C-alpha atoms as a PDB file:
ATOM      1  CA  MET A   1       0.000   0.000   0.000  1.00  0.00           C
ATOM      2  CA  THR A   2       1.394   3.396  -0.977  1.00  0.00           C
ATOM      3  CA  PRO A   3       1.162   6.345   1.383  1.00  0.00           C
ATOM      4  CA  PRO A   4      -1.187   9.155   0.359  1.00  0.00           C
ATOM      5  CA  PRO A   5       0.442  12.146  -1.305  1.00  0.00           C
ATOM      6  CA  PRO A   6       1.321  15.008   1.043  1.00  0.00           C
ATOM      7  CA  ARG A   7      -1.405  17.548   1.436  1.00  0.00           C
ATOM      8  CA  THR A   8      -0.719  20.980   0.069  1.00  0.00           C
ATOM      9  CA  ALA A   9      -1.697  24.044   1.993  1.00  0.00           C
ATOM     10  CA  ALA A  10      -4.570  26.206   0.868  1.00  0.00           C
ATOM     11  CA  PRO A  11      -3.576  28.955  -1.587  1.00  0.00           C
ATOM     12  CA  LEU A  12      -4.262  31.685   0.954  1.00  0.00           C
ATOM     13  CA  LEU A  13      -2.122  29.935   3.555  1.00  0.00           C
ATOM     14  CA  ARG A  14       0.726  29.438   1.066  1.00  0.00           C
ATOM     15  CA  HIS A  15       0.554  33.135   0.187  1.00  0.00           C
ATOM     16  CA  ALA A  16       0.536  34.124   3.855  1.00  0.00           C
ATOM     17  CA  GLN A  17       3.574  31.960   4.558  1.00  0.00           C
ATOM     18  CA  ARG A  18       5.552  33.635   1.752  1.00  0.00           C
ATOM     19  CA  ARG A  19       4.683  37.173   2.808  1.00  0.00           C
ATOM     20  CA  ARG A  20       6.826  38.649   5.554  1.00  0.00           C
ATOM     21  CA  LEU A  21       5.391  41.562   7.457  1.00  0.00           C
ATOM     22  CA  LEU A  22       8.684  43.150   8.470  1.00  0.00           C
ATOM     23  CA  THR A  23      11.128  43.309   5.604  1.00  0.00           C
ATOM     24  CA  PRO A  24      14.442  45.183   5.760  1.00  0.00           C
ATOM     25  CA  PHE A  25      13.041  47.882   3.450  1.00  0.00           C
ATOM     26  CA  ARG A  26      10.003  48.419   5.660  1.00  0.00           C
ATOM     27  CA  LEU A  27      12.207  48.594   8.746  1.00  0.00           C
ATOM     28  CA  VAL A  28      14.514  51.194   7.172  1.00  0.00           C
ATOM     29  CA  MET A  29      11.547  53.266   5.978  1.00  0.00           C
ATOM     30  CA  LEU A  30       9.921  53.076   9.392  1.00  0.00           C
ATOM     31  CA  VAL A  31      13.115  54.237  11.107  1.00  0.00           C
ATOM     32  CA  ALA A  32      13.597  57.041   8.561  1.00  0.00           C
ATOM     33  CA  VAL A  33      10.021  58.318   8.803  1.00  0.00           C
ATOM     34  CA  VAL A  34       9.883  58.147  12.599  1.00  0.00           C
ATOM     35  CA  GLY A  35      13.371  59.633  12.972  1.00  0.00           C
ATOM     36  CA  SER A  36      12.678  62.510  10.622  1.00  0.00           C
ATOM     37  CA  GLY A  37       9.346  63.118  12.334  1.00  0.00           C
ATOM     38  CA  LEU A  38      11.097  63.360  15.686  1.00  0.00           C
ATOM     39  CA  LEU A  39      13.706  65.698  14.183  1.00  0.00           C
ATOM     40  CA  ILE A  40      10.961  67.911  12.748  1.00  0.00           C
ATOM     41  CA  ALA A  41       9.115  67.923  16.079  1.00  0.00           C
ATOM     42  CA  TYR A  42      12.301  68.864  17.935  1.00  0.00           C
ATOM     43  CA  GLY A  43      13.029  71.535  15.335  1.00  0.00           C
ATOM     44  CA  ILE A  44       9.624  73.078  15.927  1.00  0.00           C
ATOM     45  CA  VAL A  45      10.097  73.121  19.714  1.00  0.00           C
ATOM     46  CA  ASP A  46      13.751  74.228  19.650  1.00  0.00           C
ATOM     47  CA  ARG A  47      14.179  78.009  19.593  1.00  0.00           C
ATOM     48  CA  THR A  48      17.881  78.335  18.830  1.00  0.00           C
ATOM     49  CA  ALA A  49      19.876  79.318  15.767  1.00  0.00           C
ATOM     50  CA  THR A  50      19.805  75.724  14.515  1.00  0.00           C
ATOM     51  CA  GLN A  51      16.013  75.573  14.241  1.00  0.00           C
ATOM     52  CA  ILE A  52      15.723  76.217  10.502  1.00  0.00           C
ATOM     53  CA  PRO A  53      18.536  73.862   9.404  1.00  0.00           C
ATOM     54  CA  MET A  54      17.131  71.149  11.654  1.00  0.00           C
ATOM     55  CA  LEU A  55      13.667  71.539  10.134  1.00  0.00           C
ATOM     56  CA  ALA A  56      15.128  71.569   6.618  1.00  0.00           C
ATOM     57  CA  ALA A  57      17.107  68.379   7.265  1.00  0.00           C
ATOM     58  CA  GLY A  58      14.114  66.610   8.797  1.00  0.00           C
ATOM     59  CA  LEU A  59      11.862  67.612   5.923  1.00  0.00           C
ATOM     60  CA  ALA A  60      14.450  66.520   3.353  1.00  0.00           C
ATOM     61  CA  VAL A  61      14.825  63.081   4.939  1.00  0.00           C
ATOM     62  CA  LEU A  62      11.054  62.722   5.238  1.00  0.00           C
ATOM     63  CA  GLY A  63      10.583  63.741   1.601  1.00  0.00           C
ATOM     64  CA  LEU A  64      13.175  61.255   0.377  1.00  0.00           C
ATOM     65  CA  SER A  65      11.682  58.497   2.528  1.00  0.00           C
ATOM     66  CA  LEU A  66       8.197  59.177   1.200  1.00  0.00           C
ATOM     67  CA  GLY A  67       9.589  59.160  -2.329  1.00  0.00           C
ATOM     68  CA  ALA A  68      11.093  55.720  -1.733  1.00  0.00           C
ATOM     69  CA  ILE A  69       7.765  54.531  -0.342  1.00  0.00           C
ATOM     70  CA  ALA A  70       6.049  55.828  -3.489  1.00  0.00           C
ATOM     71  CA  VAL A  71       8.467  53.838  -5.653  1.00  0.00           C
ATOM     72  CA  ALA A  72       7.722  50.753  -3.539  1.00  0.00           C
ATOM     73  CA  CYS A  73       4.020  51.363  -4.174  1.00  0.00           C
ATOM     74  CA  VAL A  74       4.687  51.377  -7.918  1.00  0.00           C
ATOM     75  CA  VAL A  75       6.376  47.972  -7.587  1.00  0.00           C
ATOM     76  CA  THR A  76       3.363  46.730  -5.618  1.00  0.00           C
ATOM     77  CA  ILE A  77       0.991  48.046  -8.294  1.00  0.00           C
ATOM     78  CA  VAL A  78       2.845  46.183 -11.031  1.00  0.00           C
ATOM     79  CA  ARG A  79       2.979  42.938  -9.054  1.00  0.00           C
ATOM     80  CA  ALA A  80      -0.675  43.147  -8.071  1.00  0.00           C
ATOM     81  CA  GLY A  81      -1.640  43.889 -11.665  1.00  0.00           C
ATOM     82  CA  ARG A  82       0.245  40.841 -12.912  1.00  0.00           C
ATOM     83  CA  ASP A  83      -1.407  38.653 -10.283  1.00  0.00           C
ATOM     84  CA  GLY A  84      -4.869  40.000 -11.094  1.00  0.00           C
ATOM     85  CA  ARG A  85      -5.427  41.592  -7.688  1.00  0.00           C
ATOM     86  CA  ALA A  86      -7.243  44.758  -8.682  1.00  0.00           C
ATOM     87  CA  ALA A  87      -8.147  45.886  -5.159  1.00  0.00           C
ATOM     88  CA  MET A  88      -4.533  45.656  -3.994  1.00  0.00           C
ATOM     89  CA  ALA A  89      -3.378  47.604  -7.061  1.00  0.00           C
ATOM     90  CA  PHE A  90      -5.987  50.301  -6.402  1.00  0.00           C
ATOM     91  CA  TRP A  91      -5.027  50.784  -2.754  1.00  0.00           C
ATOM     92  CA  ALA A  92      -1.323  50.743  -3.554  1.00  0.00           C
ATOM     93  CA  ALA A  93      -1.920  53.394  -6.224  1.00  0.00           C
ATOM     94  CA  LEU A  94      -3.860  55.518  -3.763  1.00  0.00           C
ATOM     95  CA  ALA A  95      -1.158  55.198  -1.098  1.00  0.00           C
ATOM     96  CA  GLY A  96       1.583  55.853  -3.658  1.00  0.00           C
ATOM     97  CA  GLY A  97      -0.162  58.983  -4.898  1.00  0.00           C
ATOM     98  CA  ALA A  98      -0.526  60.317  -1.374  1.00  0.00           C
ATOM     99  CA  ALA A  99       3.141  59.521  -0.695  1.00  0.00           C
ATOM    100  CA  VAL A 100       4.249  61.375  -3.834  1.00  0.00           C
ATOM    101  CA  VAL A 101       2.215  64.462  -2.947  1.00  0.00           C
ATOM    102  CA  ALA A 102       3.538  64.448   0.626  1.00  0.00           C
ATOM    103  CA  ALA A 103       7.109  63.902  -0.614  1.00  0.00           C
ATOM    104  CA  ALA A 104       6.842  66.826  -3.013  1.00  0.00           C
ATOM    105  CA  GLY A 105       5.521  69.061  -0.238  1.00  0.00           C
ATOM    106  CA  CYS A 106       8.263  68.031   2.187  1.00  0.00           C
ATOM    107  CA  LEU A 107      11.031  68.533  -0.361  1.00  0.00           C
ATOM    108  CA  ALA A 108       9.617  71.910  -1.415  1.00  0.00           C
ATOM    109  CA  ALA A 109       9.450  73.032   2.220  1.00  0.00           C
ATOM    110  CA  ALA A 110      13.019  71.817   2.779  1.00  0.00           C
ATOM    111  CA  VAL A 111      14.254  73.831  -0.217  1.00  0.00           C
ATOM    112  CA  VAL A 112      12.431  76.942   0.984  1.00  0.00           C
ATOM    113  CA  MET A 113      13.876  76.566   4.488  1.00  0.00           C
ATOM    114  CA  ALA A 114      17.354  76.059   3.076  1.00  0.00           C
ATOM    115  CA  MET A 115      16.948  79.240   1.035  1.00  0.00           C
ATOM    116  CA  VAL A 116      15.718  81.146   4.090  1.00  0.00           C
ATOM    117  CA  TRP A 117      18.671  79.886   6.117  1.00  0.00           C
ATOM    118  CA  GLY A 118      21.084  80.807   3.334  1.00  0.00           C
ATOM    119  CA  SER A 119      19.702  84.340   3.076  1.00  0.00           C
ATOM    120  CA  ALA A 120      19.696  84.811   6.839  1.00  0.00           C
ATOM    121  CA  THR A 121      23.329  83.788   7.236  1.00  0.00           C
ATOM    122  CA  GLY A 122      24.481  85.859   4.313  1.00  0.00           C
ATOM    123  CA  GLY A 123      25.626  82.855   2.264  1.00  0.00           C
END
């Protein structure tokens, strides 16, 4: 008598086993967003001569981090589109669009603050 073939897991379970919730990219982005948020918050509270450069640096890091998240959303959109997961592609597109708009705003504010700091110091 031959043994029965091994049972395969359900497709949803197989997909859940492959998907890791905390990837190195997500960890780096989380650290960058939280760190830049703390730097921005400290820059708002701090009332010294380094307030504007601190805000500009925090906004620049936040803008670059959000830009990287937007690129990751584009990758997710392409993968979800290939797999036929329309809802996932829609939500990734929505999140990516919001990330791009926020990144553009942060980078624009960082440039303006850098220009203000440059004009204030005479450089």
